[in-house]
Amino acid sequence: MFGSIMSRVDADSRFTRLVPFGFALVLIVVNAALGLAYVHQIHQARIQADRSLHIQTSLSRIEDLAEKAVRAQRNYRLTDDIAQLVLYQTSAEQMPTQLAELRDLIAADQPEQYAQLAALVERNMAELATNLSPLEPRSSGELSRALSAGLDQTEAIATATDSMIASEQKLLGRYFAEMETRDTVAVSLGMVVRTTIIVLLVAFVVAIFRRARRNEKLATEHSQALQASEQRFRLIFEESPLGILLADSETHRVVQANSAFRRMLGVANDQVVGRTVAELAHVHDRQLLSDALRGGTDPDVGVEVRYVRRLNGIAWASVRTTQ
């Protein structure tokens, strides 16, 4: 019983050492998963922010190119300045590339607004390309119509680009709001998981501590009971009026002899200890005693053997063996 209690205590000790490592591993995995999720969200946010910045930059460039084209075309018609014509042509040539770049960035999110802006820009560029003839300053009506048309076209394009920039800013704000909500949920979930693991760990440690205390108490009680049993056996062994020998079960050599047995033979303890049980018997009874020790004789019946006393006397004894 005492050995089983100690084995159970050892098993509990090993289990107690392993469980905290398990909880620590779970915490590490949870923290790593949350960390990876945060890194991924930050990466996605940076991509979204860069995309939004590129969209707004592209819209601003389109607005600037449209304004430059209208202004350069008007100045060329008024002054016949080749430099203004080159500036207009440069702006007109850059516009398709800028529109294509904007289409790749925004067509999936704002297809209708992009289509409207592209139509405005293409119509504006087409009208500018067909009206490159010089304007006579004296023709105030034609000059007024040209200036008014250019301003209307520029304002329409500016309104469209401003609307698309505002829409893009709303989309970006909505994305960051959703990301913040996900982060809040993830942080809350992480806190719940960590708190749960810590509470379970504390509860486990308390339970193991109580169990260890209980096992220690049981071990102490059984140890005390074993010591009391040994003391009772020792008292019975020493105080018994019958001769008793303790011998090794394999070699049959005497380990200890009580005082009654030593008095019966008139010998000291060191004259008995170390000898075989059969050696202590009379030479003619040794085989009988050896058979009894090996189980050849029923121990419940016992055998009558003679022992040789130290003063050459004979002592008869009824021998019973037990293991």
Protein backbone atom coordinates (compact mmCIF):
# COMPACT_ATOMS: atom_id res chain seq x y z
CA MET A 1 0.00 0.00 0.00
CA PHE A 2 2.76 2.41 0.94
CA GLY A 3 4.57 1.65 -2.33
CA SER A 4 1.40 2.27 -4.35
CA ILE A 5 0.90 5.61 -2.60
CA MET A 6 4.47 6.65 -3.36
CA SER A 7 4.06 5.56 -7.00
CA ARG A 8 0.89 7.62 -7.24
CA VAL A 9 2.64 10.61 -5.72
CA ASP A 10 5.49 10.24 -8.24
CA ALA A 11 3.01 10.03 -11.10
CA ASP A 12 1.20 13.14 -9.84
CA SER A 13 4.54 14.93 -9.59
CA ARG A 14 5.39 14.13 -13.22
CA PHE A 15 1.91 15.13 -14.36
CA THR A 16 2.15 18.35 -12.36
CA ARG A 17 5.40 19.24 -14.11
CA LEU A 18 4.00 18.53 -17.57
CA VAL A 19 0.68 20.38 -17.32
CA PRO A 20 2.17 23.89 -16.81
CA PHE A 21 4.24 23.34 -19.95
CA GLY A 22 1.01 22.46 -21.77
CA PHE A 23 -0.70 25.64 -20.58
CA ALA A 24 2.39 27.67 -21.52
CA LEU A 25 2.38 26.09 -24.98
CA VAL A 26 -1.29 27.00 -25.45
CA LEU A 27 -0.57 30.59 -24.40
CA ILE A 28 2.35 30.77 -26.83
CA VAL A 29 0.18 29.41 -29.67
CA VAL A 30 -2.66 31.85 -28.88
CA ASN A 31 -0.29 34.82 -28.69
CA ALA A 32 1.45 33.74 -31.89
CA ALA A 33 -1.89 33.39 -33.72
CA LEU A 34 -3.03 36.81 -32.52
CA GLY A 35 0.32 38.32 -33.42
CA LEU A 36 0.17 36.86 -36.93
CA ALA A 37 -3.39 38.15 -37.31
CA TYR A 38 -2.29 41.64 -36.24
CA VAL A 39 0.66 41.60 -38.65
CA HIS A 40 -1.62 40.45 -41.48
CA GLN A 41 -4.14 43.20 -40.73
CA ILE A 42 -1.41 45.83 -40.58
CA HIS A 43 -0.08 44.59 -43.93
CA GLN A 44 -3.56 44.70 -45.46
CA ALA A 45 -4.17 48.16 -44.01
CA ARG A 46 -0.92 49.42 -45.50
CA ILE A 47 -1.88 47.98 -48.89
CA GLN A 48 -5.32 49.58 -48.69
CA ALA A 49 -3.87 52.92 -47.61
CA ASP A 50 -1.29 52.86 -50.44
CA ARG A 51 -4.02 51.98 -52.95
CA SER A 52 -6.23 54.81 -51.72
CA LEU A 53 -3.32 57.26 -51.90
CA HIS A 54 -2.55 56.16 -55.46
CA ILE A 55 -6.21 56.59 -56.43
CA GLN A 56 -6.44 60.09 -54.98
CA THR A 57 -3.10 61.02 -56.55
CA SER A 58 -4.25 59.70 -59.93
CA LEU A 59 -7.54 61.61 -59.69
CA SER A 60 -5.68 64.82 -58.83
CA ARG A 61 -3.35 64.29 -61.80
CA ILE A 62 -6.32 63.78 -64.13
CA GLU A 63 -7.90 66.99 -62.86
CA ASP A 64 -4.61 68.86 -63.28
CA LEU A 65 -4.06 67.45 -66.78
CA ALA A 66 -7.59 68.42 -67.83
CA GLU A 67 -7.12 71.94 -66.47
CA LYS A 68 -3.70 72.27 -68.14
CA ALA A 69 -5.08 71.00 -71.43
CA VAL A 70 -8.00 73.45 -71.38
CA ARG A 71 -5.80 76.39 -70.37
CA ALA A 72 -3.04 75.56 -72.89
CA GLN A 73 -5.54 75.04 -75.72
CA ARG A 74 -7.26 78.35 -74.94
CA ASN A 75 -3.95 80.25 -74.71
CA TYR A 76 -2.79 78.73 -77.99
CA ARG A 77 -5.97 79.81 -79.72
CA LEU A 78 -5.60 83.31 -78.30
CA THR A 79 -1.85 83.80 -78.80
CA ASP A 80 -0.89 81.22 -81.43
CA ASP A 81 2.03 80.31 -79.11
CA ILE A 82 3.62 76.99 -80.13
CA ALA A 83 4.76 76.39 -76.56
CA GLN A 84 1.13 76.39 -75.44
CA LEU A 85 0.29 73.94 -78.21
CA VAL A 86 3.09 71.63 -77.06
CA LEU A 87 1.84 71.89 -73.47
CA TYR A 88 -1.67 71.03 -74.59
CA GLN A 89 -0.51 68.08 -76.68
CA THR A 90 1.64 66.78 -73.79
CA SER A 91 -1.33 66.93 -71.42
CA ALA A 92 -3.59 65.24 -73.98
CA GLU A 93 -1.05 62.45 -74.57
CA GLN A 94 -0.64 61.77 -70.81
CA MET A 95 -4.37 61.61 -70.16
CA PRO A 96 -5.04 58.08 -71.61
CA THR A 97 -2.20 56.62 -69.54
CA GLN A 98 -3.51 58.28 -66.40
CA LEU A 99 -7.05 57.05 -67.10
CA ALA A 100 -5.80 53.49 -67.64
CA GLU A 101 -3.90 53.62 -64.34
CA LEU A 102 -7.02 54.88 -62.56
CA ARG A 103 -9.13 52.16 -64.19
CA ASP A 104 -6.82 49.46 -62.83
CA LEU A 105 -7.06 50.94 -59.34
CA ILE A 106 -10.71 51.92 -59.01
CA ALA A 107 -12.89 50.34 -61.69
CA ALA A 108 -13.83 47.41 -59.44
CA ASP A 109 -14.98 49.65 -56.54
CA GLN A 110 -16.46 52.65 -58.40
CA PRO A 111 -17.25 51.43 -61.93
CA GLU A 112 -20.08 53.91 -62.65
CA GLN A 113 -18.20 56.93 -61.35
CA TYR A 114 -15.10 55.90 -63.31
CA ALA A 115 -17.14 55.48 -66.48
CA GLN A 116 -18.68 58.94 -66.04
CA LEU A 117 -15.30 60.54 -65.42
CA ALA A 118 -13.71 58.77 -68.38
CA ALA A 119 -16.58 59.92 -70.63
CA LEU A 120 -16.20 63.52 -69.44
CA VAL A 121 -12.45 63.51 -70.00
CA GLU A 122 -12.68 61.85 -73.42
CA ARG A 123 -15.39 64.27 -74.54
CA ASN A 124 -13.36 67.20 -73.26
CA MET A 125 -10.21 66.00 -75.01
CA ALA A 126 -12.16 65.41 -78.23
CA GLU A 127 -13.68 68.90 -78.14
CA LEU A 128 -10.32 70.49 -77.42
CA ALA A 129 -8.73 68.59 -80.31
CA THR A 130 -11.38 69.80 -82.79
CA ASN A 131 -11.15 73.44 -81.73
CA LEU A 132 -7.54 74.48 -82.30
CA SER A 133 -8.30 77.35 -84.69
CA PRO A 134 -7.15 80.82 -83.55
CA LEU A 135 -9.60 83.09 -81.76
CA GLU A 136 -9.97 86.70 -82.78
CA PRO A 137 -9.82 88.95 -79.70
CA ARG A 138 -12.25 91.25 -81.45
CA SER A 139 -14.81 88.45 -81.67
CA SER A 140 -16.02 88.80 -78.12
CA GLY A 141 -18.96 86.41 -78.55
CA GLU A 142 -16.85 83.52 -79.79
CA LEU A 143 -14.20 84.21 -77.11
CA SER A 144 -16.83 84.25 -74.40
CA ARG A 145 -18.32 80.94 -75.59
CA ALA A 146 -14.86 79.31 -75.73
CA LEU A 147 -13.93 80.48 -72.26
CA SER A 148 -17.29 79.45 -70.86
CA ALA A 149 -17.10 75.99 -72.47
CA GLY A 150 -13.59 75.43 -71.13
CA LEU A 151 -14.56 76.48 -67.62
CA ASP A 152 -17.67 74.27 -67.69
CA GLN A 153 -15.68 71.26 -68.83
CA THR A 154 -12.96 71.83 -66.24
CA GLU A 155 -15.55 72.29 -63.48
CA ALA A 156 -17.39 69.11 -64.47
CA ILE A 157 -14.18 67.09 -64.40
CA ALA A 158 -13.17 68.66 -61.06
CA THR A 159 -16.59 67.85 -59.60
CA ALA A 160 -16.33 64.22 -60.77
CA THR A 161 -12.81 63.77 -59.40
CA ASP A 162 -13.72 65.42 -56.09
CA SER A 163 -16.72 63.09 -55.77
CA MET A 164 -14.56 60.05 -56.46
CA ILE A 165 -11.93 61.21 -53.95
CA ALA A 166 -14.65 61.65 -51.32
CA SER A 167 -16.03 58.17 -52.11
CA GLU A 168 -12.55 56.67 -51.83
CA GLN A 169 -12.00 58.37 -48.49
CA LYS A 170 -15.31 56.95 -47.24
CA LEU A 171 -14.32 53.47 -48.41
CA LEU A 172 -10.98 53.78 -46.66
CA GLY A 173 -12.64 55.05 -43.47
CA ARG A 174 -15.13 52.14 -43.58
CA TYR A 175 -12.29 49.66 -44.07
CA PHE A 176 -10.38 51.02 -41.08
CA ALA A 177 -13.54 51.02 -38.97
CA GLU A 178 -14.14 47.36 -39.83
CA MET A 179 -10.48 46.58 -39.08
CA GLU A 180 -10.78 48.33 -35.72
CA THR A 181 -13.88 46.25 -34.94
CA ARG A 182 -12.05 43.05 -35.86
CA ASP A 183 -9.09 44.10 -33.74
CA THR A 184 -11.38 44.79 -30.79
CA VAL A 185 -13.00 41.37 -31.16
CA ALA A 186 -9.61 39.69 -31.53
CA VAL A 187 -8.19 41.48 -28.48
CA SER A 188 -11.28 40.64 -26.43
CA LEU A 189 -11.15 37.01 -27.54
CA GLY A 190 -7.45 36.86 -26.75
CA MET A 191 -8.04 38.29 -23.29
CA VAL A 192 -10.84 35.77 -22.67
CA VAL A 193 -8.64 32.89 -23.79
CA ARG A 194 -5.66 34.07 -21.73
CA THR A 195 -7.82 34.67 -18.66
CA THR A 196 -9.45 31.26 -19.05
CA ILE A 197 -6.09 29.53 -19.35
CA ILE A 198 -4.71 31.39 -16.33
CA VAL A 199 -7.81 30.55 -14.26
CA LEU A 200 -7.58 26.89 -15.31
CA LEU A 201 -3.88 26.86 -14.49
CA VAL A 202 -4.50 28.33 -11.05
CA ALA A 203 -7.36 25.88 -10.43
CA PHE A 204 -5.17 23.00 -11.58
CA VAL A 205 -2.30 24.06 -9.35
CA VAL A 206 -4.65 24.37 -6.37
CA ALA A 207 -6.18 20.95 -7.10
CA ILE A 208 -2.76 19.34 -7.47
CA PHE A 209 -1.56 21.01 -4.29
CA ARG A 210 -4.58 19.71 -2.37
CA ARG A 211 -4.14 16.26 -3.85
CA ALA A 212 -0.45 16.27 -3.01
CA ARG A 213 -1.27 17.30 0.55
CA ARG A 214 -3.84 14.49 0.76
CA ASN A 215 -1.40 11.94 -0.65
CA GLU A 216 1.29 13.19 1.70
CA LYS A 217 -1.11 12.80 4.61
CA LEU A 218 -2.02 9.27 3.50
CA ALA A 219 1.65 8.40 3.06
CA THR A 220 2.42 9.73 6.51
CA GLU A 221 -0.46 7.77 8.04
CA HIS A 222 0.58 4.55 6.28
CA SER A 223 4.20 5.11 7.23
CA GLN A 224 3.18 5.53 10.85
CA ALA A 225 0.96 2.46 10.61
CA LEU A 226 3.85 0.49 9.09
CA GLN A 227 6.20 1.64 11.83
CA ALA A 228 3.64 0.68 14.48
CA SER A 229 3.20 -2.71 12.82
CA GLU A 230 6.95 -3.23 12.75
CA GLN A 231 7.19 -2.25 16.40
CA ARG A 232 4.41 -4.72 17.30
CA PHE A 233 6.14 -7.44 15.29
CA ARG A 234 9.47 -6.63 16.92
CA LEU A 235 7.87 -6.80 20.37
CA ILE A 236 6.19 -10.11 19.58
CA PHE A 237 9.40 -11.44 18.02
CA GLU A 238 11.57 -10.51 20.96
CA GLU A 239 9.14 -11.27 23.77
CA SER A 240 7.72 -14.51 22.38
CA PRO A 241 8.35 -17.60 24.62
CA LEU A 242 8.68 -19.65 21.42
CA GLY A 243 11.88 -19.74 19.42
CA ILE A 244 11.61 -17.82 16.12
CA LEU A 245 14.07 -17.55 13.27
CA LEU A 246 14.01 -15.05 10.39
CA ALA A 247 15.77 -16.47 7.32
CA ASP A 248 16.31 -15.58 3.67
CA SER A 249 13.67 -17.29 1.52
CA GLU A 250 16.20 -18.26 -1.15
CA THR A 251 19.33 -19.26 0.76
CA HIS A 252 17.63 -20.23 4.05
CA ARG A 253 20.37 -18.44 5.92
CA VAL A 254 19.38 -16.99 9.27
CA VAL A 255 18.98 -13.25 9.40
CA GLN A 256 17.88 -12.98 13.00
CA ALA A 257 16.97 -15.23 15.93
CA ASN A 258 14.89 -14.21 18.91
CA SER A 259 16.06 -14.61 22.49
CA ALA A 260 13.89 -17.71 23.15
CA PHE A 261 15.58 -19.61 20.33
CA ARG A 262 19.03 -18.55 21.46
CA ARG A 263 18.27 -19.63 25.04
CA MET A 264 16.99 -22.97 23.80
CA LEU A 265 20.34 -23.70 22.14
CA GLY A 266 22.46 -21.73 24.57
CA VAL A 267 24.15 -19.69 21.83
CA ALA A 268 24.74 -16.03 21.07
CA ASN A 269 23.12 -14.20 18.14
CA ASP A 270 26.34 -14.10 16.07
CA GLN A 271 26.61 -17.90 16.36
CA VAL A 272 23.28 -18.27 14.61
CA VAL A 273 23.11 -15.44 12.10
CA GLY A 274 24.61 -16.35 8.73
CA ARG A 275 24.18 -20.12 9.06
CA THR A 276 21.49 -22.06 7.28
CA VAL A 277 18.48 -23.19 9.25
CA ALA A 278 19.30 -26.84 8.52
CA GLU A 279 22.83 -26.48 9.90
CA LEU A 280 21.39 -25.72 13.32
CA ALA A 281 19.50 -29.03 13.47
CA HIS A 282 20.83 -32.47 14.40
CA VAL A 283 22.70 -34.08 11.55
CA HIS A 284 20.07 -36.81 11.20
CA ASP A 285 17.21 -34.28 11.00
CA ARG A 286 18.75 -31.82 8.55
CA GLN A 287 17.26 -33.40 5.45
CA LEU A 288 13.81 -33.44 7.04
CA LEU A 289 14.12 -29.77 7.93
CA SER A 290 15.46 -28.92 4.47
CA ASP A 291 12.45 -30.62 2.87
CA ALA A 292 10.13 -28.66 5.13
CA LEU A 293 11.84 -25.39 4.18
CA ARG A 294 11.53 -26.22 0.48
CA GLY A 295 7.86 -26.98 0.92
CA GLY A 296 8.27 -30.74 0.93
CA THR A 297 6.43 -30.96 4.25
CA ASP A 298 3.06 -29.40 5.01
CA PRO A 299 3.86 -26.25 7.08
CA ASP A 300 0.52 -26.51 8.85
CA VAL A 301 1.47 -29.92 10.25
CA GLY A 302 5.07 -29.12 11.20
CA VAL A 303 7.99 -31.48 11.75
CA GLU A 304 9.67 -32.73 14.89
CA VAL A 305 13.43 -32.13 14.71
CA ARG A 306 16.29 -32.21 17.14
CA TYR A 307 18.65 -29.36 17.78
CA VAL A 308 22.10 -29.71 19.30
CA ARG A 309 22.60 -27.50 22.30
CA ARG A 310 25.94 -25.82 22.89
CA LEU A 311 26.52 -27.99 25.99
CA ASN A 312 26.05 -31.19 23.92
CA GLY A 313 22.44 -31.62 24.92
CA ILE A 314 19.52 -32.36 22.60
CA ALA A 315 16.52 -30.06 22.30
CA TRP A 316 13.42 -31.34 20.59
CA ALA A 317 11.30 -28.83 18.72
CA SER A 318 8.18 -28.78 16.55
CA VAL A 319 9.16 -26.68 13.55
CA ARG A 320 6.63 -24.82 11.40
CA THR A 321 7.68 -22.77 8.40
CA THR A 322 5.95 -19.78 6.82
CA GLN A 323 6.85 -17.24 4.16
